[in-house]
Amino acid sequence: MAPPTTLAVPTTFDDLEGDFCNKEVFVRLIHCWEARNFKKANILMGVELLLIDSKSTTIQGFISTHFLPRFKEDLKPNTIYKLNGFSIRLSKSVYRVSPHKHGISFNNKTTFTPVHEVDYQIDSQHFRIRDLQAFTDIVDKHTDLLDIIGFLRVINGDNLDTQTPMATAPAPAGERSKDMVFLHVQLEVV
């Protein structure tokens, strides 16, 4: 009789240590984009990735042009993957999209295989709220890349700033009013 098999607990981004990870991490690809060196004729350096794990921890990944042909066809945002065999590095100091202390890089031992989404519960996005002081501390330092900037105006029907033209929020539908957050998005300087 064969001994019972034990399933290994998947690693999360917070468990990463050392220079290389050969354990499985189940992740969702939130977004990917080309990284180009605009100082050298806009040459393609690789593809940057924003990944999220089962604990809603985000990390920035990178696939260099050397390994890009192997993975490019499989890069589909909002897809869950089994990631294995990647390099661990310190997080970038400029143009960060994740607050995690580490970043990951794909190499010749990396596997990045799509899996069925119904088998895993991984968030499809990560939302960070920063106060004004934290935001002003990073302005013009090229350390963080922010997707959207807005003002939080109403939480649970309580106006946070009565001296603004956005003093009232749209009426919530049904019983969802207790969970309502109204965000006014600032798209341009007035």
C-alpha atoms as a PDB file:
ATOM      1  CA  MET A   1       0.000   0.000   0.000  1.00  0.00           C
ATOM      2  CA  ALA A   2       1.350   3.384  -1.025  1.00  0.00           C
ATOM      3  CA  PRO A   3       1.778   6.050   1.664  1.00  0.00           C
ATOM      4  CA  PRO A   4      -0.783   8.876   1.532  1.00  0.00           C
ATOM      5  CA  THR A   5       0.357  11.870  -0.462  1.00  0.00           C
ATOM      6  CA  THR A   6       0.426  15.228   1.237  1.00  0.00           C
ATOM      7  CA  LEU A   7      -0.311  18.361  -0.683  1.00  0.00           C
ATOM      8  CA  ALA A   8       2.253  21.097  -0.297  1.00  0.00           C
ATOM      9  CA  VAL A   9       0.861  24.405   0.868  1.00  0.00           C
ATOM     10  CA  PRO A  10       1.403  26.931  -1.917  1.00  0.00           C
ATOM     11  CA  THR A  11       3.838  29.708  -1.181  1.00  0.00           C
ATOM     12  CA  THR A  12       2.689  33.323  -1.087  1.00  0.00           C
ATOM     13  CA  PHE A  13       4.720  36.437  -1.889  1.00  0.00           C
ATOM     14  CA  ASP A  14       5.246  37.119   1.821  1.00  0.00           C
ATOM     15  CA  ASP A  15       7.023  33.733   2.118  1.00  0.00           C
ATOM     16  CA  LEU A  16       9.707  34.595  -0.458  1.00  0.00           C
ATOM     17  CA  GLU A  17      13.302  34.368   0.752  1.00  0.00           C
ATOM     18  CA  GLY A  18      16.707  34.043  -0.860  1.00  0.00           C
ATOM     19  CA  ASP A  19      17.521  34.489  -4.535  1.00  0.00           C
ATOM     20  CA  PHE A  20      15.422  31.758  -6.149  1.00  0.00           C
ATOM     21  CA  CYS A  21      12.002  30.181  -5.568  1.00  0.00           C
ATOM     22  CA  ASN A  22      11.320  26.661  -6.776  1.00  0.00           C
ATOM     23  CA  LYS A  23       7.977  26.349  -4.955  1.00  0.00           C
ATOM     24  CA  GLU A  24       4.589  26.921  -6.547  1.00  0.00           C
ATOM     25  CA  VAL A  25       2.881  30.276  -6.146  1.00  0.00           C
ATOM     26  CA  PHE A  26      -0.640  30.700  -7.484  1.00  0.00           C
ATOM     27  CA  VAL A  27      -1.071  34.244  -8.775  1.00  0.00           C
ATOM     28  CA  ARG A  28      -3.403  36.394 -10.822  1.00  0.00           C
ATOM     29  CA  LEU A  29      -1.907  38.644 -13.480  1.00  0.00           C
ATOM     30  CA  ILE A  30      -3.487  42.042 -12.852  1.00  0.00           C
ATOM     31  CA  HIS A  31      -1.693  43.974 -15.578  1.00  0.00           C
ATOM     32  CA  CYS A  32       1.336  43.752 -17.875  1.00  0.00           C
ATOM     33  CA  TRP A  33       3.069  46.383 -20.001  1.00  0.00           C
ATOM     34  CA  GLU A  34       6.193  46.855 -22.092  1.00  0.00           C
ATOM     35  CA  ALA A  35       9.256  48.334 -20.400  1.00  0.00           C
ATOM     36  CA  ARG A  36      11.241  50.471 -22.820  1.00  0.00           C
ATOM     37  CA  ASN A  37      14.440  52.479 -22.484  1.00  0.00           C
ATOM     38  CA  PHE A  38      13.505  55.849 -23.928  1.00  0.00           C
ATOM     39  CA  LYS A  39      17.129  57.016 -23.609  1.00  0.00           C
ATOM     40  CA  LYS A  40      18.311  54.300 -26.032  1.00  0.00           C
ATOM     41  CA  ALA A  41      16.036  54.657 -29.058  1.00  0.00           C
ATOM     42  CA  ASN A  42      13.022  53.349 -27.132  1.00  0.00           C
ATOM     43  CA  ILE A  43      14.455  49.815 -27.133  1.00  0.00           C
ATOM     44  CA  LEU A  44      12.306  47.102 -25.542  1.00  0.00           C
ATOM     45  CA  MET A  45      13.855  45.876 -22.276  1.00  0.00           C
ATOM     46  CA  GLY A  46      11.093  43.415 -21.379  1.00  0.00           C
ATOM     47  CA  VAL A  47       7.599  43.216 -19.924  1.00  0.00           C
ATOM     48  CA  GLU A  48       6.645  44.379 -16.437  1.00  0.00           C
ATOM     49  CA  LEU A  49       3.939  42.476 -14.542  1.00  0.00           C
ATOM     50  CA  LEU A  50       1.729  43.301 -11.586  1.00  0.00           C
ATOM     51  CA  LEU A  51       0.807  40.049  -9.822  1.00  0.00           C
ATOM     52  CA  ILE A  52      -1.428  39.326  -6.813  1.00  0.00           C
ATOM     53  CA  ASP A  53      -1.457  36.182  -4.647  1.00  0.00           C
ATOM     54  CA  SER A  54      -4.085  34.426  -2.523  1.00  0.00           C
ATOM     55  CA  LYS A  55      -3.430  36.777   0.412  1.00  0.00           C
ATOM     56  CA  SER A  56      -4.045  39.865  -1.782  1.00  0.00           C
ATOM     57  CA  THR A  57      -0.346  40.729  -1.692  1.00  0.00           C
ATOM     58  CA  THR A  58       0.943  42.352  -4.863  1.00  0.00           C
ATOM     59  CA  ILE A  59       4.421  42.101  -6.324  1.00  0.00           C
ATOM     60  CA  GLN A  60       6.085  43.493  -9.425  1.00  0.00           C
ATOM     61  CA  GLY A  61       7.503  40.982 -11.885  1.00  0.00           C
ATOM     62  CA  PHE A  62       9.730  41.286 -14.925  1.00  0.00           C
ATOM     63  CA  ILE A  63      10.315  39.184 -18.042  1.00  0.00           C
ATOM     64  CA  SER A  64      13.409  40.244 -20.000  1.00  0.00           C
ATOM     65  CA  THR A  65      13.398  40.236 -23.797  1.00  0.00           C
ATOM     66  CA  HIS A  66      15.567  37.105 -23.701  1.00  0.00           C
ATOM     67  CA  PHE A  67      12.734  35.051 -22.134  1.00  0.00           C
ATOM     68  CA  LEU A  68       9.787  37.000 -23.535  1.00  0.00           C
ATOM     69  CA  PRO A  69       9.086  34.746 -26.575  1.00  0.00           C
ATOM     70  CA  ARG A  70       8.512  31.837 -24.197  1.00  0.00           C
ATOM     71  CA  PHE A  71       5.825  33.621 -22.145  1.00  0.00           C
ATOM     72  CA  LYS A  72       4.336  36.411 -24.277  1.00  0.00           C
ATOM     73  CA  GLU A  73       1.462  34.382 -25.787  1.00  0.00           C
ATOM     74  CA  ASP A  74       0.269  33.285 -22.332  1.00  0.00           C
ATOM     75  CA  LEU A  75       0.193  36.777 -20.783  1.00  0.00           C
ATOM     76  CA  LYS A  76      -3.506  37.483 -20.313  1.00  0.00           C
ATOM     77  CA  PRO A  77      -4.576  39.969 -17.624  1.00  0.00           C
ATOM     78  CA  ASN A  78      -7.064  38.690 -15.029  1.00  0.00           C
ATOM     79  CA  THR A  79      -5.896  35.085 -15.533  1.00  0.00           C
ATOM     80  CA  ILE A  80      -4.697  32.849 -12.688  1.00  0.00           C
ATOM     81  CA  TYR A  81      -1.337  31.109 -13.141  1.00  0.00           C
ATOM     82  CA  LYS A  82       0.849  28.593 -11.358  1.00  0.00           C
ATOM     83  CA  LEU A  83       4.261  30.263 -11.102  1.00  0.00           C
ATOM     84  CA  ASN A  84       7.406  28.315 -10.283  1.00  0.00           C
ATOM     85  CA  GLY A  85      11.192  28.618 -10.650  1.00  0.00           C
ATOM     86  CA  PHE A  86      11.743  32.382 -10.619  1.00  0.00           C
ATOM     87  CA  SER A  87      14.436  34.714  -9.330  1.00  0.00           C
ATOM     88  CA  ILE A  88      13.795  36.884  -6.279  1.00  0.00           C
ATOM     89  CA  ARG A  89      15.304  40.362  -6.191  1.00  0.00           C
ATOM     90  CA  LEU A  90      14.912  43.495  -4.132  1.00  0.00           C
ATOM     91  CA  SER A  91      12.052  45.704  -5.213  1.00  0.00           C
ATOM     92  CA  LYS A  92      12.790  48.456  -7.694  1.00  0.00           C
ATOM     93  CA  SER A  93      13.609  51.816  -6.183  1.00  0.00           C
ATOM     94  CA  VAL A  94      12.025  53.756  -9.046  1.00  0.00           C
ATOM     95  CA  TYR A  95       8.672  53.419 -10.806  1.00  0.00           C
ATOM     96  CA  ARG A  96       7.258  50.947  -8.299  1.00  0.00           C
ATOM     97  CA  VAL A  97       3.729  49.627  -8.690  1.00  0.00           C
ATOM     98  CA  SER A  98       3.747  47.440  -5.571  1.00  0.00           C
ATOM     99  CA  PRO A  99       4.792  48.182  -1.992  1.00  0.00           C
ATOM    100  CA  HIS A 100       6.323  44.695  -1.582  1.00  0.00           C
ATOM    101  CA  LYS A 101       9.996  44.560  -0.545  1.00  0.00           C
ATOM    102  CA  HIS A 102      10.765  41.983  -3.267  1.00  0.00           C
ATOM    103  CA  GLY A 103      10.315  41.751  -6.994  1.00  0.00           C
ATOM    104  CA  ILE A 104      10.527  38.677  -9.182  1.00  0.00           C
ATOM    105  CA  SER A 105      12.216  37.978 -12.503  1.00  0.00           C
ATOM    106  CA  PHE A 106      11.503  35.165 -14.922  1.00  0.00           C
ATOM    107  CA  ASN A 107      14.458  33.020 -16.007  1.00  0.00           C
ATOM    108  CA  ASN A 108      15.148  29.841 -17.994  1.00  0.00           C
ATOM    109  CA  LYS A 109      13.736  27.658 -15.169  1.00  0.00           C
ATOM    110  CA  THR A 110      10.495  29.609 -14.750  1.00  0.00           C
ATOM    111  CA  THR A 111       7.154  27.970 -15.465  1.00  0.00           C
ATOM    112  CA  PHE A 112       4.052  30.157 -15.774  1.00  0.00           C
ATOM    113  CA  THR A 113       1.045  27.960 -16.474  1.00  0.00           C
ATOM    114  CA  PRO A 114      -2.610  29.119 -16.652  1.00  0.00           C
ATOM    115  CA  VAL A 115      -4.960  27.250 -14.281  1.00  0.00           C
ATOM    116  CA  HIS A 116      -8.745  27.032 -13.932  1.00  0.00           C
ATOM    117  CA  GLU A 117      -9.999  30.047 -12.021  1.00  0.00           C
ATOM    118  CA  VAL A 118     -12.739  28.142 -10.182  1.00  0.00           C
ATOM    119  CA  ASP A 119     -10.096  26.178  -8.251  1.00  0.00           C
ATOM    120  CA  TYR A 120      -8.490  29.251  -6.631  1.00  0.00           C
ATOM    121  CA  GLN A 121      -9.737  32.355  -4.811  1.00  0.00           C
ATOM    122  CA  ILE A 122      -7.465  35.222  -5.791  1.00  0.00           C
ATOM    123  CA  ASP A 123      -8.595  38.847  -5.895  1.00  0.00           C
ATOM    124  CA  SER A 124      -8.672  40.519  -9.291  1.00  0.00           C
ATOM    125  CA  GLN A 125      -7.364  43.866  -8.074  1.00  0.00           C
ATOM    126  CA  HIS A 126      -5.637  45.622  -5.201  1.00  0.00           C
ATOM    127  CA  PHE A 127      -6.848  48.956  -3.921  1.00  0.00           C
ATOM    128  CA  ARG A 128      -4.590  51.192  -1.837  1.00  0.00           C
ATOM    129  CA  ILE A 129      -5.725  54.318  -0.038  1.00  0.00           C
ATOM    130  CA  ARG A 130      -3.060  56.808   0.948  1.00  0.00           C
ATOM    131  CA  ASP A 131      -3.496  59.913   3.008  1.00  0.00           C
ATOM    132  CA  LEU A 132      -2.457  63.270   1.586  1.00  0.00           C
ATOM    133  CA  GLN A 133       0.838  63.359   3.491  1.00  0.00           C
ATOM    134  CA  ALA A 134       1.946  59.965   2.150  1.00  0.00           C
ATOM    135  CA  PHE A 135       1.045  61.106  -1.350  1.00  0.00           C
ATOM    136  CA  THR A 136       2.929  64.417  -1.107  1.00  0.00           C
ATOM    137  CA  ASP A 137       5.993  62.546   0.183  1.00  0.00           C
ATOM    138  CA  ILE A 138       6.286  60.583  -3.088  1.00  0.00           C
ATOM    139  CA  VAL A 139       5.397  63.319  -5.592  1.00  0.00           C
ATOM    140  CA  ASP A 140       8.119  63.892  -8.223  1.00  0.00           C
ATOM    141  CA  LYS A 141      10.433  61.238  -6.773  1.00  0.00           C
ATOM    142  CA  HIS A 142       9.719  58.657  -9.495  1.00  0.00           C
ATOM    143  CA  THR A 143       9.390  55.934  -6.873  1.00  0.00           C
ATOM    144  CA  ASP A 144       5.741  54.912  -7.206  1.00  0.00           C
ATOM    145  CA  LEU A 145       3.408  54.707 -10.175  1.00  0.00           C
ATOM    146  CA  LEU A 146      -0.210  55.433  -9.286  1.00  0.00           C
ATOM    147  CA  ASP A 147      -3.133  54.334 -11.444  1.00  0.00           C
ATOM    148  CA  ILE A 148      -5.685  56.854 -10.251  1.00  0.00           C
ATOM    149  CA  ILE A 149      -5.853  59.812  -7.943  1.00  0.00           C
ATOM    150  CA  GLY A 150      -9.086  60.839  -6.291  1.00  0.00           C
ATOM    151  CA  PHE A 151     -10.630  62.361  -3.206  1.00  0.00           C
ATOM    152  CA  LEU A 152     -12.626  60.260  -0.770  1.00  0.00           C
ATOM    153  CA  ARG A 153     -15.824  62.262  -0.302  1.00  0.00           C
ATOM    154  CA  VAL A 154     -18.438  60.156   1.456  1.00  0.00           C
ATOM    155  CA  ILE A 155     -18.317  57.037   3.602  1.00  0.00           C
ATOM    156  CA  ASN A 156     -21.642  55.623   4.812  1.00  0.00           C
ATOM    157  CA  GLY A 157     -23.420  58.864   3.932  1.00  0.00           C
ATOM    158  CA  ASP A 158     -21.169  61.097   6.072  1.00  0.00           C
ATOM    159  CA  ASN A 159     -19.648  63.947   4.089  1.00  0.00           C
ATOM    160  CA  LEU A 160     -15.915  64.146   4.778  1.00  0.00           C
ATOM    161  CA  ASP A 161     -15.508  67.691   3.482  1.00  0.00           C
ATOM    162  CA  THR A 162     -18.501  70.023   3.524  1.00  0.00           C
ATOM    163  CA  GLN A 163     -16.712  72.836   1.690  1.00  0.00           C
ATOM    164  CA  THR A 164     -16.458  71.043  -1.643  1.00  0.00           C
ATOM    165  CA  PRO A 165     -18.865  71.131  -4.591  1.00  0.00           C
ATOM    166  CA  MET A 166     -19.200  67.334  -4.302  1.00  0.00           C
ATOM    167  CA  ALA A 167     -21.106  67.611  -1.005  1.00  0.00           C
ATOM    168  CA  THR A 168     -23.678  64.994  -1.947  1.00  0.00           C
ATOM    169  CA  ALA A 169     -23.112  61.525  -3.259  1.00  0.00           C
ATOM    170  CA  PRO A 170     -25.432  59.546  -5.504  1.00  0.00           C
ATOM    171  CA  ALA A 171     -28.134  57.665  -3.587  1.00  0.00           C
ATOM    172  CA  PRO A 172     -27.243  54.000  -3.074  1.00  0.00           C
ATOM    173  CA  ALA A 173     -29.586  51.276  -4.276  1.00  0.00           C
ATOM    174  CA  GLY A 174     -31.260  49.065  -1.690  1.00  0.00           C
ATOM    175  CA  GLU A 175     -29.494  47.897   1.444  1.00  0.00           C
ATOM    176  CA  ARG A 176     -26.009  48.556   0.086  1.00  0.00           C
ATOM    177  CA  SER A 177     -25.959  52.054   1.617  1.00  0.00           C
ATOM    178  CA  LYS A 178     -24.139  50.796   4.731  1.00  0.00           C
ATOM    179  CA  ASP A 179     -21.217  49.651   2.556  1.00  0.00           C
ATOM    180  CA  MET A 180     -21.044  52.678   0.311  1.00  0.00           C
ATOM    181  CA  VAL A 181     -17.886  54.627  -0.408  1.00  0.00           C
ATOM    182  CA  PHE A 182     -18.063  57.501  -2.887  1.00  0.00           C
ATOM    183  CA  LEU A 183     -14.803  58.417  -4.598  1.00  0.00           C
ATOM    184  CA  HIS A 184     -14.536  61.602  -6.624  1.00  0.00           C
ATOM    185  CA  VAL A 185     -11.884  61.079  -9.269  1.00  0.00           C
ATOM    186  CA  GLN A 186      -9.735  64.062 -10.142  1.00  0.00           C
ATOM    187  CA  LEU A 187      -8.871  63.726 -13.813  1.00  0.00           C
ATOM    188  CA  GLU A 188      -7.465  67.169 -14.364  1.00  0.00           C
ATOM    189  CA  VAL A 189      -6.294  70.142 -12.353  1.00  0.00           C
ATOM    190  CA  VAL A 190      -9.033  72.747 -11.973  1.00  0.00           C
END
